[in-house]
Protein backbone atom coordinates (compact mmCIF):
# COMPACT_ATOMS: atom_id res chain seq x y z
CA MET A 1 -20.55 -20.21 53.82
CA ALA A 2 -17.98 -18.33 51.75
CA GLY A 3 -19.34 -19.88 48.54
CA GLU A 4 -22.85 -18.80 49.43
CA HIS A 5 -21.58 -15.28 50.18
CA TRP A 6 -19.98 -14.94 46.71
CA LYS A 7 -23.10 -16.44 45.09
CA ASP A 8 -25.30 -13.89 46.84
CA ALA A 9 -22.94 -11.07 45.88
CA LEU A 10 -22.93 -12.14 42.22
CA GLU A 11 -26.71 -12.42 42.15
CA GLY A 12 -27.00 -8.97 43.72
CA ALA A 13 -24.62 -7.42 41.19
CA THR A 14 -26.50 -9.09 38.34
CA ASP A 15 -29.83 -7.77 39.60
CA ALA A 16 -28.37 -4.28 40.03
CA PHE A 17 -27.01 -4.28 36.47
CA ALA A 18 -30.35 -5.50 35.12
CA ARG A 19 -32.18 -2.67 36.94
CA PHE A 20 -29.63 -0.13 35.63
CA MET A 21 -30.11 -1.30 32.03
CA ALA A 22 -33.88 -1.25 32.46
CA ARG A 23 -33.75 2.39 33.57
CA ASN A 24 -31.04 3.56 31.13
CA GLY A 25 -31.27 1.10 28.25
CA GLY A 26 -32.49 3.73 25.79
CA TRP A 27 -29.58 6.13 25.99
CA MET A 28 -27.10 3.28 26.44
CA ALA A 29 -28.30 1.75 23.17
CA LYS A 30 -27.96 5.11 21.44
CA LEU A 31 -24.47 5.59 22.86
CA GLY A 32 -23.51 2.10 21.70
CA ALA A 33 -24.85 2.81 18.20
CA ILE A 34 -22.87 6.07 18.01
CA ALA A 35 -19.68 4.34 19.19
CA ALA A 36 -20.19 1.55 16.63
CA ALA A 37 -20.70 4.11 13.86
CA ILE A 38 -17.53 5.99 14.86
CA VAL A 39 -15.55 2.76 14.59
CA LEU A 40 -17.26 1.12 11.62
CA LEU A 41 -17.73 4.07 9.24
CA PRO A 42 -13.99 4.75 8.77
CA ILE A 43 -13.39 1.02 8.24
CA LEU A 44 -16.18 0.89 5.67
CA ALA A 45 -14.78 3.99 3.94
CA ILE A 46 -11.33 2.39 3.68
CA TYR A 47 -12.76 -0.80 2.20
CA MET A 48 -14.83 1.22 -0.29
CA LEU A 49 -11.89 3.45 -1.27
CA PRO A 50 -10.43 1.09 -3.92
CA VAL A 51 -13.84 0.75 -5.58
CA VAL A 52 -14.50 4.50 -5.62
CA LEU A 53 -11.03 5.34 -6.92
CA GLY A 54 -11.41 2.66 -9.58
CA TRP A 55 -14.52 4.44 -10.80
CA PHE A 56 -13.11 7.96 -10.89
CA ALA A 57 -9.37 7.57 -11.54
CA PRO A 58 -8.58 8.70 -15.10
CA PRO A 59 -6.92 6.14 -17.40
CA LEU A 60 -3.25 6.72 -18.17
CA ASP A 61 -1.96 8.19 -21.39
CA THR A 62 -0.62 4.97 -22.89
CA SER A 63 1.42 6.93 -25.46
CA LYS A 64 3.85 7.85 -22.65
CA ASP A 65 6.81 5.59 -21.95
CA LEU A 66 6.40 4.95 -18.24
CA TYR A 67 9.90 3.49 -18.11
CA SER A 68 11.28 6.96 -18.88
CA VAL A 69 8.94 9.21 -16.88
CA ASN A 70 10.90 10.84 -14.01
CA ARG A 71 13.75 8.41 -14.52
CA PRO A 72 17.07 9.47 -12.95
CA ILE A 73 19.74 10.87 -15.25
CA ALA A 74 22.23 8.25 -16.42
CA PHE A 75 24.99 8.26 -19.03
CA THR A 76 26.61 5.15 -20.48
CA PHE A 77 29.91 5.41 -22.37
CA LEU A 78 30.76 2.99 -25.19
CA ASP A 79 34.02 2.35 -27.00
CA ALA A 80 34.45 2.30 -30.77
CA ASN A 81 33.21 -1.29 -30.88
CA GLY A 82 30.02 -0.51 -28.97
CA HIS A 83 31.18 -2.08 -25.72
CA GLU A 84 30.30 -0.39 -22.45
CA VAL A 85 33.33 1.18 -20.81
CA GLY A 86 31.77 3.25 -18.05
CA HIS A 87 28.83 5.28 -16.84
CA ARG A 88 28.00 8.45 -14.94
CA GLY A 89 25.01 9.18 -12.76
CA ALA A 90 22.52 6.51 -11.84
CA LEU A 91 23.01 2.92 -12.92
CA VAL A 92 19.81 2.15 -14.86
CA GLY A 93 19.52 -1.44 -16.01
CA ASP A 94 18.13 -2.74 -19.25
CA ARG A 95 14.38 -3.10 -19.56
CA LEU A 96 13.48 -6.71 -18.81
CA THR A 97 10.24 -8.66 -19.11
CA LEU A 98 9.13 -11.23 -16.55
CA ASP A 99 10.14 -13.92 -19.04
CA ASP A 100 13.70 -12.55 -18.95
CA MET A 101 13.88 -12.98 -15.17
CA PRO A 102 14.17 -16.18 -13.16
CA ASP A 103 10.78 -17.17 -11.73
CA TYR A 104 11.93 -16.77 -8.14
CA LEU A 105 12.81 -13.07 -8.58
CA PRO A 106 9.31 -11.57 -9.06
CA ALA A 107 7.95 -14.19 -6.66
CA ALA A 108 10.38 -12.99 -3.97
CA PHE A 109 9.37 -9.34 -4.39
CA ILE A 110 5.69 -10.26 -4.19
CA ALA A 111 6.30 -12.34 -1.06
CA MET A 112 8.17 -9.50 0.64
CA GLU A 113 6.23 -6.46 -0.54
CA ASP A 114 2.68 -7.42 -1.44
CA ARG A 115 1.43 -10.99 -1.00
CA ASN A 116 -2.03 -10.05 -2.23
CA PHE A 117 -0.75 -8.40 -5.41
CA TYR A 118 -2.84 -10.57 -7.71
CA HIS A 119 -5.93 -10.36 -5.50
CA HIS A 120 -6.56 -6.59 -5.15
CA ASN A 121 -7.03 -3.74 -7.57
CA GLY A 122 -3.97 -1.78 -6.53
CA ILE A 123 -5.02 -0.83 -3.00
CA ASP A 124 -5.09 -3.25 -0.07
CA PRO A 125 -7.62 -2.06 2.57
CA ARG A 126 -6.11 -4.26 5.29
CA GLY A 127 -2.69 -2.78 4.63
CA LEU A 128 -4.14 0.73 4.83
CA MET A 129 -5.79 -0.11 8.15
CA ARG A 130 -2.52 -1.40 9.61
CA ALA A 131 -0.67 1.68 8.37
CA MET A 132 -3.34 4.01 9.80
CA LEU A 133 -3.08 2.42 13.25
CA THR A 134 0.72 2.64 13.11
CA ASN A 135 0.58 6.33 12.16
CA ILE A 136 -1.94 7.08 14.94
CA ARG A 137 0.33 5.46 17.51
CA ALA A 138 3.38 7.31 16.15
CA ARG A 139 1.44 10.60 15.79
CA ARG A 140 3.02 11.12 12.38
CA VAL A 141 3.19 9.43 8.99
CA VAL A 142 5.62 6.53 9.34
CA ALA A 143 3.85 3.82 7.31
CA GLY A 144 1.87 3.81 4.09
CA GLY A 145 0.55 0.30 3.66
CA SER A 146 1.73 0.47 0.08
CA THR A 147 1.07 -2.28 -2.43
CA ILE A 148 3.40 -2.93 -5.36
CA THR A 149 1.04 -0.89 -7.53
CA GLN A 150 1.19 2.03 -5.09
CA GLN A 151 4.98 1.80 -4.92
CA THR A 152 5.12 1.83 -8.71
CA ALA A 153 2.88 4.91 -8.81
CA LYS A 154 5.13 6.62 -6.25
CA ILE A 155 8.28 5.76 -8.24
CA VAL A 156 6.88 6.98 -11.56
CA PHE A 157 4.56 9.85 -10.67
CA THR A 158 5.05 11.24 -7.17
CA SER A 159 7.76 12.22 -4.71
CA GLN A 160 9.07 10.15 -1.82
CA GLU A 161 7.86 12.53 0.92
CA ARG A 162 5.59 11.12 3.60
CA THR A 163 2.54 13.38 3.63
CA TYR A 164 -1.18 12.69 3.45
CA SER A 165 -1.57 14.75 0.24
CA ARG A 166 1.18 12.74 -1.46
CA LYS A 167 -0.47 9.54 -0.23
CA LEU A 168 -3.79 10.55 -1.77
CA SER A 169 -2.08 11.26 -5.11
CA GLU A 170 -0.38 7.89 -4.89
CA LEU A 171 -3.71 6.11 -4.36
CA VAL A 172 -5.30 7.84 -7.35
CA ASP A 173 -2.29 7.04 -9.56
CA ALA A 174 -2.34 3.41 -8.37
CA ALA A 175 -6.00 3.11 -9.36
CA ALA A 176 -5.12 4.62 -12.76
CA LEU A 177 -2.32 2.08 -13.22
CA GLU A 178 -4.66 -0.80 -12.44
CA LYS A 179 -7.25 0.60 -14.86
CA SER A 180 -4.74 0.97 -17.72
CA LEU A 181 -2.21 -1.87 -17.32
CA SER A 182 -2.29 -5.59 -16.61
CA LYS A 183 -0.78 -7.05 -13.44
CA LYS A 184 2.12 -8.35 -15.51
CA GLN A 185 2.82 -4.91 -16.96
CA ILE A 186 2.68 -3.27 -13.52
CA LEU A 187 5.05 -5.84 -12.02
CA GLU A 188 7.49 -5.45 -14.92
CA LEU A 189 7.42 -1.65 -14.55
CA TYR A 190 8.02 -1.95 -10.82
CA LEU A 191 10.96 -4.35 -11.15
CA ASN A 192 12.58 -2.20 -13.83
CA ARG A 193 12.16 1.11 -11.96
CA ILE A 194 12.65 0.28 -8.28
CA TYR A 195 15.72 1.72 -6.53
CA LEU A 196 17.82 -1.10 -5.08
CA GLY A 197 20.72 0.77 -3.51
CA SER A 198 24.25 1.83 -4.56
CA GLY A 199 22.81 4.08 -7.27
CA ALA A 200 21.19 1.15 -9.11
CA TYR A 201 17.66 1.24 -10.50
CA GLY A 202 15.85 -1.88 -11.63
CA VAL A 203 16.78 -5.50 -11.07
CA ASP A 204 19.16 -5.47 -14.05
CA GLY A 205 20.90 -2.37 -12.73
CA ALA A 206 21.31 -4.00 -9.32
CA ALA A 207 22.80 -7.10 -10.97
CA ARG A 208 25.56 -4.92 -12.44
CA VAL A 209 26.69 -3.41 -9.15
């Protein structure tokens, strides 16, 4: 008897829902379409952002030495024989190529910072989506979803402040980097300019600490 009671109740609820949808299906469909648009349009915009920025971002002035732009002040003191005896200010390492580094070093940075480095054009839409959700939950900018290219753009061209205007500048500069440099050149610039603590900049600078 109890089973028949629940069966009858389920059939009644199903019939009631069917009648409700028959009477209100039009505006419910419209409401569903509006809700889908509200959710899907921002996602589509984020996924289209790298393409649009790639079209409109200006190429970099390749005559500039990006290893020197906005680099921290550093002084190295040499003795009469040309040997280093001390330094003041930041500890900036020598400029290295990927061939000068052990293979595991760039691979480790890619694994930690940007696993899709070789598969995007400087901006990772999935990373931006994760960062956006994190910022919405925190009600402030706490994450940026930055790729290695974006981090390089921030190091070379922009400040470290966490604002939406700075983030937009970073995205444009990242697109410009991808338009003007190869992945190898971007990775080399990143590894030679990144701050690694204790006043050291670049992987060679960190090795000297």
